[in-house]
Amino acid sequence: MSKEKNIKDWYLKTVDSFNQLVIDDTLESIRKEATVFFKSAEFPTKKEEEWKYTNVKPILSQEYTPSPLLKNNFQNKISINDYILPDTDVHLLVFLNGILDKELSDIGEVENGIIIDSLYNLSKNNPKFLEKYLSKNISTSNTFNLLNNVFTYDGFVIYIPKNKIVKKPIHIINITSDSIDKPLVQPRNLIIAEENTNAKIISEFVGNKNSQYFTNVVTEISVDENANISFYKLQNEAETAFHIDKTDIKQKASSVFNHFSLSFGGKIVRNDINAYLDGENIECHLYGLYLGNKEQHIDHHTFINHIKPNCMSNELYKGILDDKARGVFSGKILVDQLAQKTNAFQSNKSVLLSKDASVDAKPQLEIYADDVKCSH
């Protein structure tokens, strides 16, 4: 029996125990549907074009337990002083092993109508909200995404009603402690920014240097007309940790979205960032910086779909790699036939500090319109 088969059986055996924990939960339908597809799905291999540079077998060779099943063993005292932004007033959400820690969090006062909360809390207190917004603008593209859905439990939820500005940054700290053995940490995040809104959101991932765990993230972002959202993701986890992230963004007319990806930690890191520009006069900016040493593997996959005319996208990813570290950048820009007057720019640059360090770059343009400016 293959290791992949073993690990699938491991997770499927865990489903029953997990479902007993979350009985009568609003997210039950998502979990049930995902479990059906997960049973027949295969984890990606290097034979697949989208994964040819990233070998996930080390992730599949270990049995990780969904962290909600381990929460009784969570360490009680965690210091967040090293992670708090100095001299900055923020709305603070702290997740310990993927579950909101109310004592460490400090959301503070928010304007009427704005929601800054956890997925678990809303599944209990406002299920109709989740039924309206969750899983509406996201696609399940691989088995890791299904795995997140099978054990969906908690994550951050940010909702900004139209004409509202979140004046303070929203800082989310995701801490994985070493008080539990090999946890599967699966944040399921949702950002809804309605018309004429503005916010800055910082999502940070940290962990103990000696702990081994698997973080598997799914984030769904909706940016409506004239909204301006900046999303900063800082990933600085343990050297022995694995991290897979899928972020889907859907933008509407005249919106601006900025995504900053900073990847410093982790043994194997994969960031899938997908943006759908479904309106005119949209701006989408994707920026990335990655630092790797020893035998780290850091992979950025981006996809920008220009659906409507008169939009602009800009991608810039830079990496510094030492020792036997390996970086991957695969960026695809798709310009629809209707998307005339598209302006799309893509750039990836890396510095190799060792003869054993390497980088694989795969820029792609697929253009069906004839009046565009696209380069990579």
Protein backbone atom coordinates (compact mmCIF):
# COMPACT_ATOMS: atom_id res chain seq x y z
CA MET A 1 0.00 0.00 0.00
CA SER A 2 1.40 3.41 -0.98
CA LYS A 3 2.11 6.12 1.57
CA GLU A 4 -0.48 8.30 -0.16
CA LYS A 5 -3.10 5.58 0.26
CA ASN A 6 -2.10 5.20 3.91
CA ILE A 7 -2.38 8.90 4.61
CA LYS A 8 -5.78 9.17 2.94
CA ASP A 9 -7.00 6.27 5.05
CA TRP A 10 -5.58 8.01 8.12
CA TYR A 11 -7.55 11.17 7.46
CA LEU A 12 -10.73 9.32 6.55
CA LYS A 13 -10.54 7.32 9.78
CA THR A 14 -10.24 10.60 11.64
CA VAL A 15 -13.41 12.03 10.06
CA ASP A 16 -15.80 10.19 12.39
CA SER A 17 -14.07 11.46 15.53
CA PHE A 18 -13.98 14.96 14.11
CA ASN A 19 -17.68 14.93 13.16
CA GLN A 20 -18.62 13.94 16.71
CA LEU A 21 -16.84 17.07 17.87
CA VAL A 22 -18.71 19.39 15.49
CA ILE A 23 -22.17 17.81 15.51
CA ASP A 24 -25.06 20.06 14.36
CA ASP A 25 -22.60 22.53 12.90
CA THR A 26 -23.39 25.07 10.17
CA LEU A 27 -20.37 23.93 8.16
CA GLU A 28 -21.55 20.32 8.04
CA SER A 29 -22.63 20.44 4.38
CA ILE A 30 -19.21 21.70 3.27
CA ARG A 31 -17.50 18.89 5.17
CA LYS A 32 -19.79 16.17 3.88
CA GLU A 33 -19.46 17.19 0.25
CA ALA A 34 -15.68 17.50 0.56
CA THR A 35 -15.41 14.07 2.18
CA VAL A 36 -17.17 12.44 -0.77
CA PHE A 37 -14.75 14.00 -3.26
CA PHE A 38 -11.74 13.43 -1.01
CA LYS A 39 -12.31 9.67 -1.03
CA SER A 40 -11.72 9.45 -4.77
CA ALA A 41 -9.23 12.31 -5.16
CA GLU A 42 -5.46 11.92 -5.50
CA PHE A 43 -2.86 14.17 -3.98
CA PRO A 44 -0.83 16.08 -6.59
CA THR A 45 2.41 14.59 -7.90
CA LYS A 46 5.32 15.91 -9.92
CA LYS A 47 3.73 14.31 -13.00
CA GLU A 48 1.15 17.11 -12.95
CA GLU A 49 2.22 20.29 -14.73
CA GLU A 50 1.14 22.57 -11.88
CA TRP A 51 3.21 20.56 -9.37
CA LYS A 52 6.18 19.43 -11.48
CA TYR A 53 8.67 21.44 -9.41
CA THR A 54 7.27 20.63 -5.95
CA ASN A 55 7.38 17.20 -4.37
CA VAL A 56 4.76 16.84 -1.63
CA LYS A 57 5.68 13.27 -0.64
CA PRO A 58 7.35 14.44 2.61
CA ILE A 59 4.01 15.97 3.64
CA LEU A 60 2.16 12.74 2.87
CA SER A 61 4.63 10.53 4.75
CA GLN A 62 3.51 11.83 8.17
CA GLU A 63 0.21 11.38 10.03
CA TYR A 64 -1.08 14.76 11.21
CA THR A 65 -4.05 15.05 13.55
CA PRO A 66 -6.63 17.85 13.03
CA SER A 67 -5.86 20.32 15.80
CA PRO A 68 -9.45 20.59 17.16
CA LEU A 69 -9.10 16.96 18.28
CA LEU A 70 -6.03 17.95 20.30
CA LYS A 71 -7.25 21.19 21.84
CA ASN A 72 -7.45 19.76 25.35
CA ASN A 73 -3.66 19.48 25.21
CA PHE A 74 -2.99 23.04 24.08
CA GLN A 75 -0.37 24.93 26.05
CA ASN A 76 -2.12 27.38 28.36
CA LYS A 77 0.49 30.11 28.45
CA ILE A 78 1.69 31.55 25.15
CA SER A 79 3.54 34.84 24.85
CA ILE A 80 2.68 36.98 21.83
CA ASN A 81 4.94 39.89 22.72
CA ASP A 82 7.43 38.99 19.98
CA TYR A 83 4.71 39.06 17.33
CA ILE A 84 2.78 42.22 18.20
CA LEU A 85 3.49 45.20 15.97
CA PRO A 86 5.31 47.80 18.11
CA ASP A 87 3.66 51.17 18.64
CA THR A 88 0.74 50.18 16.43
CA ASP A 89 -2.92 50.14 17.38
CA VAL A 90 -4.59 47.16 15.70
CA HIS A 91 -7.59 44.88 15.82
CA LEU A 92 -5.87 41.72 17.05
CA LEU A 93 -6.97 38.14 16.44
CA VAL A 94 -4.78 35.34 17.79
CA PHE A 95 -5.25 31.76 16.67
CA LEU A 96 -3.51 29.01 18.62
CA ASN A 97 -3.07 25.87 16.53
CA GLY A 98 -5.78 27.12 14.18
CA ILE A 99 -8.37 27.94 16.86
CA LEU A 100 -9.22 31.43 18.12
CA ASP A 101 -7.75 32.22 21.54
CA LYS A 102 -10.11 34.79 23.04
CA GLU A 103 -7.79 35.65 25.94
CA LEU A 104 -4.88 36.55 23.68
CA SER A 105 -7.03 38.38 21.13
CA ASP A 106 -7.99 42.02 21.42
CA ILE A 107 -10.42 42.96 18.67
CA GLY A 108 -11.48 46.20 20.31
CA GLU A 109 -14.34 48.38 19.15
CA VAL A 110 -15.43 48.30 15.51
CA GLU A 111 -17.95 50.44 13.67
CA ASN A 112 -21.49 49.20 13.46
CA GLY A 113 -21.88 46.54 10.78
CA ILE A 114 -18.20 45.59 10.52
CA ILE A 115 -17.44 42.00 11.49
CA ILE A 116 -14.01 40.89 12.74
CA ASP A 117 -14.51 37.45 14.20
CA SER A 118 -13.73 33.75 13.89
CA LEU A 119 -15.38 31.24 11.60
CA TYR A 120 -16.29 29.03 14.55
CA ASN A 121 -18.04 31.83 16.41
CA LEU A 122 -20.05 32.84 13.35
CA SER A 123 -21.01 29.23 12.63
CA LYS A 124 -22.67 29.25 16.06
CA ASN A 125 -23.93 32.83 16.31
CA ASN A 126 -24.60 33.95 12.73
CA PRO A 127 -24.97 30.89 10.48
CA LYS A 128 -27.06 32.77 7.89
CA PHE A 129 -24.10 35.05 7.21
CA LEU A 130 -21.86 32.08 6.41
CA GLU A 131 -24.53 30.48 4.27
CA LYS A 132 -24.63 33.68 2.20
CA TYR A 133 -20.90 34.29 1.75
CA LEU A 134 -18.75 31.22 2.43
CA SER A 135 -17.52 29.16 -0.54
CA LYS A 136 -19.13 31.46 -3.11
CA ASN A 137 -16.00 32.74 -4.87
CA ILE A 138 -13.52 29.90 -4.51
CA SER A 139 -12.63 26.81 -6.49
CA THR A 140 -11.31 23.53 -5.12
CA SER A 141 -8.33 22.84 -7.32
CA ASN A 142 -6.50 20.03 -5.51
CA THR A 143 -6.77 17.45 -2.74
CA PHE A 144 -5.15 19.72 -0.15
CA ASN A 145 -8.05 22.15 -0.63
CA LEU A 146 -10.47 19.26 -0.14
CA LEU A 147 -8.63 18.26 3.02
CA ASN A 148 -9.17 21.77 4.38
CA ASN A 149 -12.88 21.45 3.64
CA VAL A 150 -13.14 18.00 5.22
CA PHE A 151 -11.92 19.36 8.57
CA THR A 152 -13.12 22.96 8.34
CA TYR A 153 -13.40 24.33 11.87
CA ASP A 154 -12.06 27.84 12.41
CA GLY A 155 -10.30 30.80 10.81
CA PHE A 156 -10.77 34.54 10.59
CA VAL A 157 -13.79 36.27 9.05
CA ILE A 158 -13.73 39.94 8.07
CA TYR A 159 -16.81 41.66 6.68
CA ILE A 160 -16.82 45.35 5.76
CA PRO A 161 -20.20 46.75 4.70
CA LYS A 162 -20.33 49.35 1.96
CA ASN A 163 -18.94 52.83 2.57
CA LYS A 164 -17.02 51.73 5.68
CA ILE A 165 -13.31 52.22 6.37
CA VAL A 166 -11.47 50.07 8.89
CA LYS A 167 -9.18 52.73 10.31
CA LYS A 168 -6.86 50.42 12.24
CA PRO A 169 -4.98 47.50 10.65
CA ILE A 170 -6.37 44.06 11.35
CA HIS A 171 -3.58 41.80 12.59
CA ILE A 172 -4.11 38.04 12.66
CA ILE A 173 -1.41 35.98 14.39
CA ASN A 174 -1.47 32.23 13.75
CA ILE A 175 0.69 30.44 16.32
CA THR A 176 1.44 26.74 16.27
CA SER A 177 2.77 25.59 19.63
CA ASP A 178 4.91 22.58 20.46
CA SER A 179 2.56 21.39 23.20
CA ILE A 180 0.89 18.95 20.80
CA ASP A 181 2.41 16.39 18.44
CA LYS A 182 2.11 16.76 14.66
CA PRO A 183 -1.06 18.86 14.41
CA LEU A 184 -2.89 19.54 11.16
CA VAL A 185 -3.69 23.26 11.34
CA GLN A 186 -6.27 24.35 8.77
CA PRO A 187 -7.41 27.97 8.86
CA ARG A 188 -10.44 28.67 6.69
CA ASN A 189 -10.56 32.43 6.14
CA LEU A 190 -13.08 34.78 4.58
CA ILE A 191 -12.81 38.47 3.63
CA ILE A 192 -15.80 40.36 2.23
CA ALA A 193 -15.19 44.00 1.28
CA GLU A 194 -18.31 45.66 -0.10
CA GLU A 195 -18.51 48.84 -2.20
CA ASN A 196 -16.34 51.84 -1.30
CA THR A 197 -14.50 50.15 1.56
CA ASN A 198 -10.90 50.27 2.71
CA ALA A 199 -8.84 48.03 4.98
CA LYS A 200 -5.35 46.72 5.69
CA ILE A 201 -5.10 43.10 6.85
CA ILE A 202 -1.98 41.34 8.14
CA SER A 203 -1.96 37.55 8.47
CA GLU A 204 1.10 36.15 10.23
CA PHE A 205 2.13 32.50 10.67
CA VAL A 206 4.70 31.55 13.32
CA GLY A 207 5.75 28.39 15.11
CA ASN A 208 8.29 26.88 17.45
CA LYS A 209 11.56 26.05 15.67
CA ASN A 210 11.57 22.48 16.96
CA SER A 211 7.97 21.53 16.27
CA GLN A 212 6.68 19.52 13.32
CA TYR A 213 3.28 20.39 11.91
CA PHE A 214 1.32 20.92 8.71
CA THR A 215 -0.49 24.20 8.01
CA ASN A 216 -3.06 23.98 5.20
CA VAL A 217 -4.80 27.31 4.56
CA VAL A 218 -7.73 28.39 2.39
CA THR A 219 -8.59 32.10 2.11
CA GLU A 220 -11.50 33.51 0.13
CA ILE A 221 -11.49 37.24 -0.68
CA SER A 222 -14.22 39.32 -2.34
CA VAL A 223 -13.46 42.94 -3.28
CA ASP A 224 -16.48 44.87 -4.54
CA GLU A 225 -16.75 48.10 -6.57
CA ASN A 226 -14.35 50.90 -5.57
CA ALA A 227 -13.00 48.93 -2.61
CA ASN A 228 -9.32 49.14 -1.70
CA ILE A 229 -7.87 46.22 0.23
CA SER A 230 -4.26 45.45 1.13
CA PHE A 231 -3.47 41.95 2.39
CA TYR A 232 -0.08 41.14 3.92
CA LYS A 233 0.85 37.52 4.53
CA LEU A 234 3.96 36.85 6.62
CA GLN A 235 4.98 33.20 6.85
CA ASN A 236 7.85 32.56 9.27
CA GLU A 237 7.23 29.09 10.61
CA ALA A 238 9.40 26.30 11.95
CA GLU A 239 12.14 24.83 9.77
CA THR A 240 10.47 21.43 10.03
CA ALA A 241 6.96 22.70 9.21
CA PHE A 242 4.97 22.30 5.99
CA HIS A 243 2.76 25.08 4.67
CA ILE A 244 0.27 25.03 1.80
CA ASP A 245 -1.89 28.07 1.08
CA LYS A 246 -4.64 28.75 -1.41
CA THR A 247 -5.94 32.31 -1.74
CA ASP A 248 -8.69 33.19 -4.21
CA ILE A 249 -9.53 36.83 -4.93
CA LYS A 250 -12.51 38.09 -6.90
CA GLN A 251 -12.53 41.77 -7.79
CA LYS A 252 -15.29 43.97 -9.18
CA ALA A 253 -15.15 47.22 -11.12
CA SER A 254 -12.74 50.00 -10.07
CA SER A 255 -11.42 48.04 -7.10
CA VAL A 256 -7.79 47.89 -5.96
CA PHE A 257 -6.26 44.84 -4.34
CA ASN A 258 -2.69 44.50 -3.06
CA HIS A 259 -1.27 41.14 -1.96
CA PHE A 260 2.12 40.93 -0.24
CA SER A 261 3.58 37.46 0.34
CA LEU A 262 6.62 37.21 2.64
CA SER A 263 7.91 33.62 2.98
CA PHE A 264 10.84 32.96 5.30
CA GLY A 265 10.17 29.72 7.18
CA GLY A 266 9.01 26.18 6.54
CA LYS A 267 10.55 23.09 4.97
CA ILE A 268 8.09 22.97 2.08
CA VAL A 269 5.99 26.05 1.33
CA ARG A 270 3.46 26.41 -1.48
CA ASN A 271 1.43 29.58 -2.10
CA ASP A 272 -1.35 29.48 -4.70
CA ILE A 273 -2.70 32.98 -5.37
CA ASN A 274 -5.53 33.34 -7.87
CA ALA A 275 -7.15 36.64 -8.88
CA TYR A 276 -10.25 37.08 -11.04
CA LEU A 277 -10.70 40.60 -12.44
CA ASP A 278 -14.43 40.62 -13.15
CA GLY A 279 -15.09 44.28 -13.95
CA GLU A 280 -13.54 47.28 -15.66
CA ASN A 281 -10.83 49.62 -14.32
CA ILE A 282 -9.52 47.12 -11.79
CA GLU A 283 -6.02 47.18 -10.31
CA CYS A 284 -4.45 44.00 -8.95
CA HIS A 285 -0.93 43.99 -7.48
CA LEU A 286 0.81 40.81 -6.32
CA TYR A 287 4.19 41.13 -4.60
CA GLY A 288 6.37 38.44 -3.09
CA LEU A 289 9.66 38.12 -1.22
CA TYR A 290 11.09 34.75 -0.22
CA LEU A 291 14.28 33.84 1.66
CA GLY A 292 15.45 30.24 1.74
CA ASN A 293 18.41 28.36 3.16
CA LYS A 294 19.43 24.80 4.11
CA GLU A 295 16.99 22.57 2.18
CA GLN A 296 13.93 24.81 2.16
CA HIS A 297 11.55 24.66 -0.78
CA ILE A 298 9.42 27.78 -1.43
CA ASP A 299 6.91 27.76 -4.29
CA HIS A 300 4.74 30.66 -5.50
CA HIS A 301 2.04 29.90 -8.07
CA THR A 302 -0.02 32.83 -9.32
CA PHE A 303 -2.92 33.09 -11.73
CA ILE A 304 -4.54 36.34 -12.86
CA ASN A 305 -7.64 36.13 -15.05
CA HIS A 306 -8.44 39.35 -16.93
CA ILE A 307 -12.14 38.90 -17.69
CA LYS A 308 -13.20 42.46 -18.53
CA PRO A 309 -11.47 45.36 -20.40
CA ASN A 310 -9.44 48.31 -19.11
CA CYS A 311 -7.76 46.56 -16.19
CA MET A 312 -4.21 46.48 -14.89
CA SER A 313 -2.26 43.76 -13.08
CA ASN A 314 1.25 43.88 -11.74
CA GLU A 315 3.33 41.02 -10.32
CA LEU A 316 6.79 41.24 -8.79
CA TYR A 317 8.40 38.32 -6.93
CA LYS A 318 11.97 38.27 -5.65
CA GLY A 319 13.92 35.57 -3.84
CA ILE A 320 17.26 35.03 -2.10
CA LEU A 321 18.36 31.40 -1.81
CA ASP A 322 21.35 29.87 -0.05
CA ASP A 323 22.72 26.38 0.70
CA LYS A 324 20.48 23.79 -1.03
CA ALA A 325 17.31 25.88 -0.98
CA ARG A 326 15.02 25.84 -3.99
CA GLY A 327 12.58 28.46 -5.16
CA VAL A 328 9.74 28.16 -7.65
CA PHE A 329 7.76 30.87 -9.41
CA SER A 330 5.01 29.95 -11.83
CA GLY A 331 2.82 32.84 -12.93
CA LYS A 332 0.06 32.71 -15.50
CA ILE A 333 -1.84 35.68 -16.94
CA LEU A 334 -5.00 34.89 -18.90
CA VAL A 335 -6.55 37.66 -21.00
CA ASP A 336 -10.09 36.99 -22.19
CA GLN A 337 -11.24 37.99 -25.66
CA LEU A 338 -13.40 40.71 -24.11
CA ALA A 339 -10.54 42.09 -22.01
CA GLN A 340 -9.28 44.74 -24.44
CA LYS A 341 -6.97 47.50 -23.15
CA THR A 342 -5.46 45.12 -20.61
CA ASN A 343 -2.13 46.13 -19.09
CA ALA A 344 -0.39 43.20 -17.39
CA PHE A 345 3.18 43.05 -16.10
CA GLN A 346 4.98 40.13 -14.48
CA SER A 347 8.52 39.88 -13.12
CA ASN A 348 10.43 37.30 -11.08
CA LYS A 349 14.04 37.74 -9.98
CA SER A 350 16.18 35.58 -7.71
CA VAL A 351 19.66 35.70 -6.22
CA LEU A 352 21.48 32.40 -5.64
CA LEU A 353 24.13 32.56 -2.92
CA SER A 354 25.27 28.95 -3.32
CA LYS A 355 26.08 26.71 -6.26
CA ASP A 356 23.63 24.18 -4.80
CA ALA A 357 20.72 26.63 -4.59
CA SER A 358 18.28 26.67 -7.50
CA VAL A 359 15.17 28.35 -8.83
CA ASP A 360 12.57 27.29 -11.41
CA ALA A 361 10.68 30.07 -13.18
CA LYS A 362 7.72 29.58 -15.46
CA PRO A 363 6.08 32.84 -16.61
CA GLN A 364 3.05 32.33 -18.87
CA LEU A 365 0.86 34.59 -21.00
CA GLU A 366 -2.36 33.37 -22.62
CA ILE A 367 -3.91 36.21 -24.60
CA TYR A 368 -7.14 36.20 -26.64
CA ALA A 369 -7.53 39.99 -27.01
CA ASP A 370 -5.65 42.00 -29.63
CA ASP A 371 -5.32 45.42 -27.95
CA VAL A 372 -3.26 44.71 -24.84
CA LYS A 373 0.09 45.44 -23.20
CA CYS A 374 1.44 42.31 -21.54
CA SER A 375 5.00 41.41 -20.57
CA HIS A 376 7.00 39.07 -18.37
